[in-house]
């Protein structure tokens, strides 16, 4: 595990507002981190197959919960409302949405 109990290579979100829930807070936090946010939502139990991104992703769970399965071993990282991380480019991950669904906001860096 890396900082703040996150599995490597995830990085804690770069601010001190951990746990501050809601879309407005997530949007403000992402903009303060220098990225333009966009929102997406999923219903309970929805899944994302393992994949990678060419860019670094900054992500915050605004409402609900989602569990990311990180790396080839699929190490779990559960995010609840107000929690986030930085996902380095090229990091393999999958996800399973929690029982109440989720809304997440994210932004990307090259």
N, C-alpha and C. Protein backbone atom coordinates (compact mmCIF):
# COMPACT_ATOMS: atom_id res chain seq x y z
N UNK A 1 0.84 -1.18 0.00
CA UNK A 1 0.00 0.00 0.00
C UNK A 1 0.89 1.24 0.00
N UNK A 2 0.37 2.30 -0.61
CA UNK A 2 1.09 3.57 -0.60
C UNK A 2 0.41 4.51 0.38
N UNK A 3 0.72 5.82 0.32
CA UNK A 3 0.19 6.80 1.24
C UNK A 3 -1.31 6.74 1.40
N UNK A 4 -1.80 7.04 2.60
CA UNK A 4 -3.22 7.09 2.94
C UNK A 4 -3.93 5.76 2.70
N UNK A 5 -3.20 4.64 2.75
CA UNK A 5 -3.82 3.34 2.60
C UNK A 5 -4.21 2.99 1.18
N UNK A 6 -3.70 3.71 0.21
CA UNK A 6 -4.02 3.42 -1.19
C UNK A 6 -3.05 2.39 -1.75
N UNK A 7 -3.55 1.47 -2.59
CA UNK A 7 -2.62 0.54 -3.21
C UNK A 7 -1.72 1.26 -4.22
N UNK A 8 -0.46 0.86 -4.27
CA UNK A 8 0.47 1.43 -5.25
C UNK A 8 -0.04 1.07 -6.64
N UNK A 9 0.08 1.93 -7.60
CA UNK A 9 0.76 3.22 -7.61
C UNK A 9 -0.16 4.42 -7.39
N UNK A 10 -1.37 4.20 -6.84
CA UNK A 10 -2.26 5.34 -6.59
C UNK A 10 -1.62 6.35 -5.66
N UNK A 11 -1.97 7.61 -5.85
CA UNK A 11 -1.44 8.72 -5.06
C UNK A 11 -2.62 9.41 -4.40
N UNK A 12 -2.53 9.78 -3.12
CA UNK A 12 -3.63 10.50 -2.49
C UNK A 12 -3.96 11.79 -3.25
N UNK A 13 -5.23 12.15 -3.26
CA UNK A 13 -5.63 13.39 -3.93
C UNK A 13 -4.89 14.55 -3.26
N UNK A 14 -4.35 15.48 -4.06
CA UNK A 14 -3.43 16.50 -3.53
C UNK A 14 -4.10 17.71 -2.86
N UNK A 15 -4.92 17.44 -1.85
CA UNK A 15 -5.47 18.55 -1.05
C UNK A 15 -5.80 18.04 0.34
N UNK A 16 -6.31 18.91 1.19
CA UNK A 16 -6.64 18.52 2.56
C UNK A 16 -8.14 18.49 2.79
N UNK A 17 -8.93 18.27 1.73
CA UNK A 17 -10.39 18.29 1.83
C UNK A 17 -10.99 16.88 1.75
N UNK A 18 -10.21 15.87 2.14
CA UNK A 18 -10.65 14.48 2.15
C UNK A 18 -12.01 14.36 2.87
N UNK A 19 -12.96 13.70 2.23
CA UNK A 19 -14.26 13.46 2.86
C UNK A 19 -15.30 14.51 2.58
N UNK A 20 -14.94 15.58 1.87
CA UNK A 20 -15.91 16.63 1.56
C UNK A 20 -16.73 16.18 0.35
N UNK A 21 -17.97 15.75 0.60
CA UNK A 21 -18.81 15.12 -0.42
C UNK A 21 -19.54 16.15 -1.28
N UNK A 22 -20.08 15.67 -2.39
CA UNK A 22 -20.92 16.47 -3.27
C UNK A 22 -20.21 16.88 -4.55
N UNK A 23 -21.02 17.08 -5.60
CA UNK A 23 -20.46 17.43 -6.90
C UNK A 23 -19.78 18.79 -6.91
N UNK A 24 -20.37 19.77 -6.23
CA UNK A 24 -19.77 21.12 -6.22
C UNK A 24 -18.39 21.09 -5.57
N UNK A 25 -18.27 20.38 -4.45
CA UNK A 25 -16.97 20.28 -3.77
C UNK A 25 -15.95 19.57 -4.65
N UNK A 26 -16.37 18.47 -5.29
CA UNK A 26 -15.45 17.73 -6.15
C UNK A 26 -15.00 18.60 -7.33
N UNK A 27 -15.93 19.33 -7.91
CA UNK A 27 -15.58 20.22 -9.04
C UNK A 27 -14.56 21.27 -8.59
N UNK A 28 -14.78 21.88 -7.42
CA UNK A 28 -13.85 22.89 -6.90
C UNK A 28 -12.47 22.28 -6.63
N UNK A 29 -12.45 21.09 -6.05
CA UNK A 29 -11.18 20.45 -5.73
C UNK A 29 -10.38 20.12 -6.99
N UNK A 30 -11.07 19.61 -8.01
CA UNK A 30 -10.38 19.27 -9.25
C UNK A 30 -9.86 20.51 -9.95
N UNK A 31 -10.66 21.56 -9.99
CA UNK A 31 -10.19 22.80 -10.61
C UNK A 31 -8.99 23.37 -9.85
N UNK A 32 -9.01 23.29 -8.52
CA UNK A 32 -7.89 23.77 -7.72
C UNK A 32 -6.63 22.95 -7.99
N UNK A 33 -6.82 21.69 -8.40
CA UNK A 33 -5.68 20.82 -8.74
C UNK A 33 -5.22 21.02 -10.19
N UNK A 34 -5.89 21.93 -10.91
CA UNK A 34 -5.43 22.29 -12.24
C UNK A 34 -6.00 21.50 -13.40
N UNK A 35 -7.13 20.80 -13.16
CA UNK A 35 -7.77 20.06 -14.25
C UNK A 35 -9.22 20.49 -14.38
N UNK A 36 -9.77 20.33 -15.58
CA UNK A 36 -11.17 20.65 -15.82
C UNK A 36 -12.01 19.39 -15.58
N UNK A 37 -12.93 19.43 -14.62
CA UNK A 37 -13.68 18.24 -14.25
C UNK A 37 -14.85 17.93 -15.19
N UNK A 38 -15.16 16.66 -15.27
CA UNK A 38 -16.40 16.22 -15.88
C UNK A 38 -16.96 15.08 -15.03
N UNK A 39 -18.28 14.99 -15.00
CA UNK A 39 -18.97 14.05 -14.11
C UNK A 39 -19.49 12.84 -14.88
N UNK A 40 -19.55 11.72 -14.20
CA UNK A 40 -20.20 10.51 -14.72
C UNK A 40 -20.86 9.78 -13.55
N UNK A 41 -21.90 9.04 -13.86
CA UNK A 41 -22.66 8.32 -12.83
C UNK A 41 -22.94 6.90 -13.30
N UNK A 42 -23.09 6.02 -12.33
CA UNK A 42 -23.45 4.63 -12.61
C UNK A 42 -24.39 4.12 -11.53
N UNK A 43 -25.17 3.11 -11.90
CA UNK A 43 -26.09 2.47 -10.96
C UNK A 43 -25.41 1.41 -10.13
N UNK A 44 -26.11 0.95 -9.09
CA UNK A 44 -25.56 -0.08 -8.20
C UNK A 44 -25.08 -1.31 -8.95
N UNK A 45 -23.87 -1.76 -8.59
CA UNK A 45 -23.33 -2.99 -9.14
C UNK A 45 -22.76 -2.89 -10.55
N UNK A 46 -22.86 -1.73 -11.18
CA UNK A 46 -22.27 -1.59 -12.52
C UNK A 46 -20.76 -1.85 -12.44
N UNK A 47 -20.21 -2.37 -13.52
CA UNK A 47 -18.78 -2.70 -13.54
C UNK A 47 -18.08 -2.09 -14.74
N UNK A 48 -16.79 -1.88 -14.58
CA UNK A 48 -15.90 -1.48 -15.66
C UNK A 48 -14.83 -2.56 -15.76
N UNK A 49 -14.64 -3.10 -16.95
CA UNK A 49 -13.60 -4.10 -17.16
C UNK A 49 -12.22 -3.46 -17.02
N UNK A 50 -11.23 -4.28 -16.78
CA UNK A 50 -9.85 -3.79 -16.62
C UNK A 50 -9.41 -3.04 -17.87
N UNK A 51 -8.79 -1.89 -17.64
CA UNK A 51 -8.31 -1.04 -18.74
C UNK A 51 -7.25 -0.09 -18.21
N UNK A 52 -6.66 0.69 -19.11
CA UNK A 52 -5.63 1.68 -18.76
C UNK A 52 -5.95 2.97 -19.51
N UNK A 53 -5.36 4.06 -19.05
CA UNK A 53 -5.49 5.35 -19.71
C UNK A 53 -4.10 5.87 -20.08
N UNK A 54 -4.02 6.61 -21.17
CA UNK A 54 -2.76 7.21 -21.59
C UNK A 54 -2.44 8.48 -20.81
N UNK A 55 -3.40 8.98 -20.05
CA UNK A 55 -3.22 10.20 -19.27
C UNK A 55 -3.34 9.89 -17.77
N UNK A 56 -2.83 10.79 -16.95
CA UNK A 56 -3.01 10.67 -15.50
C UNK A 56 -4.40 11.18 -15.15
N UNK A 57 -5.13 10.40 -14.36
CA UNK A 57 -6.51 10.74 -13.99
C UNK A 57 -6.56 11.18 -12.53
N UNK A 58 -7.17 12.34 -12.28
CA UNK A 58 -7.49 12.78 -10.93
C UNK A 58 -8.98 12.53 -10.76
N UNK A 59 -9.36 11.77 -9.74
CA UNK A 59 -10.75 11.34 -9.59
C UNK A 59 -11.22 11.54 -8.16
N UNK A 60 -12.47 11.99 -8.03
CA UNK A 60 -13.13 12.11 -6.73
C UNK A 60 -14.50 11.48 -6.83
N UNK A 61 -14.85 10.65 -5.87
CA UNK A 61 -16.20 10.11 -5.74
C UNK A 61 -17.02 11.19 -5.02
N UNK A 62 -18.02 11.74 -5.70
CA UNK A 62 -18.82 12.82 -5.12
C UNK A 62 -19.96 12.29 -4.27
N UNK A 63 -20.63 11.25 -4.75
CA UNK A 63 -21.74 10.62 -4.01
C UNK A 63 -21.67 9.11 -4.20
N UNK A 64 -22.22 8.39 -3.25
CA UNK A 64 -22.23 6.93 -3.33
C UNK A 64 -20.86 6.35 -3.05
N UNK A 65 -20.57 5.23 -3.72
CA UNK A 65 -19.27 4.57 -3.52
C UNK A 65 -18.92 3.75 -4.76
N UNK A 66 -17.63 3.50 -4.89
CA UNK A 66 -17.10 2.70 -5.98
C UNK A 66 -15.79 2.07 -5.52
N UNK A 67 -15.58 0.82 -5.91
CA UNK A 67 -14.35 0.13 -5.59
C UNK A 67 -13.54 -0.06 -6.86
N UNK A 68 -12.32 0.45 -6.86
CA UNK A 68 -11.39 0.27 -7.96
C UNK A 68 -10.52 -0.94 -7.65
N UNK A 69 -10.25 -1.73 -8.67
CA UNK A 69 -9.39 -2.90 -8.57
C UNK A 69 -8.13 -2.55 -9.35
N UNK A 70 -7.03 -2.35 -8.62
CA UNK A 70 -5.84 -1.71 -9.17
C UNK A 70 -4.72 -2.71 -9.44
N UNK A 71 -4.09 -2.54 -10.60
CA UNK A 71 -2.94 -3.37 -10.97
C UNK A 71 -3.36 -4.74 -11.46
N UNK A 72 -2.37 -5.52 -11.84
CA UNK A 72 -2.63 -6.86 -12.36
C UNK A 72 -3.28 -7.76 -11.32
N UNK A 73 -2.99 -7.51 -10.03
CA UNK A 73 -3.56 -8.31 -8.96
C UNK A 73 -4.96 -7.85 -8.58
N UNK A 74 -5.40 -6.70 -9.09
CA UNK A 74 -6.74 -6.20 -8.77
C UNK A 74 -6.91 -5.83 -7.31
N UNK A 75 -5.90 -5.16 -6.75
CA UNK A 75 -5.98 -4.78 -5.33
C UNK A 75 -7.10 -3.76 -5.13
N UNK A 76 -8.04 -4.02 -4.19
CA UNK A 76 -9.20 -3.14 -4.04
C UNK A 76 -8.87 -1.80 -3.37
N UNK A 77 -9.53 -0.77 -3.85
CA UNK A 77 -9.46 0.57 -3.27
C UNK A 77 -10.88 1.13 -3.29
N UNK A 78 -11.54 1.14 -2.15
CA UNK A 78 -12.91 1.63 -2.08
C UNK A 78 -12.92 3.13 -1.83
N UNK A 79 -13.68 3.85 -2.65
CA UNK A 79 -13.87 5.28 -2.47
C UNK A 79 -15.31 5.54 -2.08
N UNK A 80 -15.49 6.29 -1.00
CA UNK A 80 -16.81 6.78 -0.62
C UNK A 80 -16.89 8.26 -0.98
N UNK A 81 -18.04 8.84 -0.75
CA UNK A 81 -18.27 10.24 -1.09
C UNK A 81 -17.21 11.14 -0.45
N UNK A 82 -16.58 11.97 -1.28
CA UNK A 82 -15.56 12.91 -0.82
C UNK A 82 -14.15 12.39 -0.86
N UNK A 83 -13.97 11.13 -1.26
CA UNK A 83 -12.64 10.55 -1.33
C UNK A 83 -12.16 10.51 -2.78
N UNK A 84 -10.85 10.62 -2.96
CA UNK A 84 -10.31 10.60 -4.32
C UNK A 84 -8.87 10.16 -4.35
N UNK A 85 -8.34 10.10 -5.57
CA UNK A 85 -6.95 9.72 -5.77
C UNK A 85 -6.46 10.23 -7.11
N UNK A 86 -5.16 10.06 -7.31
CA UNK A 86 -4.52 10.30 -8.60
C UNK A 86 -4.11 8.93 -9.13
N UNK A 87 -4.55 8.64 -10.35
CA UNK A 87 -4.24 7.37 -11.00
C UNK A 87 -3.22 7.65 -12.11
N UNK A 88 -1.96 7.25 -11.90
CA UNK A 88 -0.93 7.52 -12.92
C UNK A 88 -1.26 6.89 -14.27
N UNK A 89 -0.87 7.55 -15.34
CA UNK A 89 -1.06 7.03 -16.69
C UNK A 89 -0.52 5.61 -16.79
N UNK A 90 -1.23 4.77 -17.52
CA UNK A 90 -0.79 3.40 -17.74
C UNK A 90 -1.10 2.42 -16.63
N UNK A 91 -1.80 2.86 -15.57
CA UNK A 91 -2.13 1.97 -14.46
C UNK A 91 -3.37 1.16 -14.80
N UNK A 92 -3.23 -0.15 -14.81
CA UNK A 92 -4.36 -1.04 -15.10
C UNK A 92 -5.34 -0.98 -13.92
N UNK A 93 -6.63 -0.87 -14.24
CA UNK A 93 -7.65 -0.83 -13.19
C UNK A 93 -9.00 -1.24 -13.75
N UNK A 94 -9.85 -1.72 -12.87
CA UNK A 94 -11.24 -2.05 -13.14
C UNK A 94 -12.04 -1.40 -12.02
N UNK A 95 -13.37 -1.48 -12.07
CA UNK A 95 -14.17 -0.88 -11.00
C UNK A 95 -15.51 -1.58 -10.87
N UNK A 96 -16.02 -1.54 -9.63
CA UNK A 96 -17.36 -2.05 -9.31
C UNK A 96 -18.06 -0.97 -8.49
N UNK A 97 -19.22 -0.54 -8.96
CA UNK A 97 -19.99 0.51 -8.28
C UNK A 97 -20.67 -0.08 -7.05
N UNK A 98 -20.74 0.73 -5.97
CA UNK A 98 -21.33 0.31 -4.72
C UNK A 98 -22.84 0.17 -4.76
N UNK A 99 -23.44 -0.24 -3.63
CA UNK A 99 -24.86 -0.57 -3.57
C UNK A 99 -25.82 0.60 -3.78
N UNK A 100 -25.35 1.82 -3.64
CA UNK A 100 -26.21 2.98 -3.85
C UNK A 100 -25.87 3.74 -5.13
N UNK A 101 -25.04 3.13 -6.00
CA UNK A 101 -24.60 3.82 -7.20
C UNK A 101 -23.51 4.83 -6.85
N UNK A 102 -23.10 5.62 -7.83
CA UNK A 102 -22.08 6.64 -7.57
C UNK A 102 -22.14 7.72 -8.63
N UNK A 103 -21.65 8.89 -8.25
CA UNK A 103 -21.31 9.95 -9.18
C UNK A 103 -19.89 10.32 -8.87
N UNK A 104 -19.05 10.30 -9.89
CA UNK A 104 -17.65 10.66 -9.76
C UNK A 104 -17.34 11.82 -10.69
N UNK A 105 -16.36 12.61 -10.31
CA UNK A 105 -15.85 13.65 -11.18
C UNK A 105 -14.37 13.38 -11.39
N UNK A 106 -13.90 13.65 -12.60
CA UNK A 106 -12.50 13.42 -12.90
C UNK A 106 -11.97 14.46 -13.86
N UNK A 107 -10.67 14.57 -13.89
CA UNK A 107 -9.96 15.41 -14.84
C UNK A 107 -8.67 14.70 -15.19
N UNK A 108 -8.07 15.10 -16.32
CA UNK A 108 -6.88 14.39 -16.81
C UNK A 108 -5.71 15.35 -17.02
N UNK A 109 -4.51 14.80 -16.81
CA UNK A 109 -3.26 15.47 -17.13
C UNK A 109 -2.51 14.62 -18.13
N UNK A 110 -1.74 15.26 -19.00
CA UNK A 110 -0.96 14.47 -19.97
C UNK A 110 0.02 13.53 -19.27
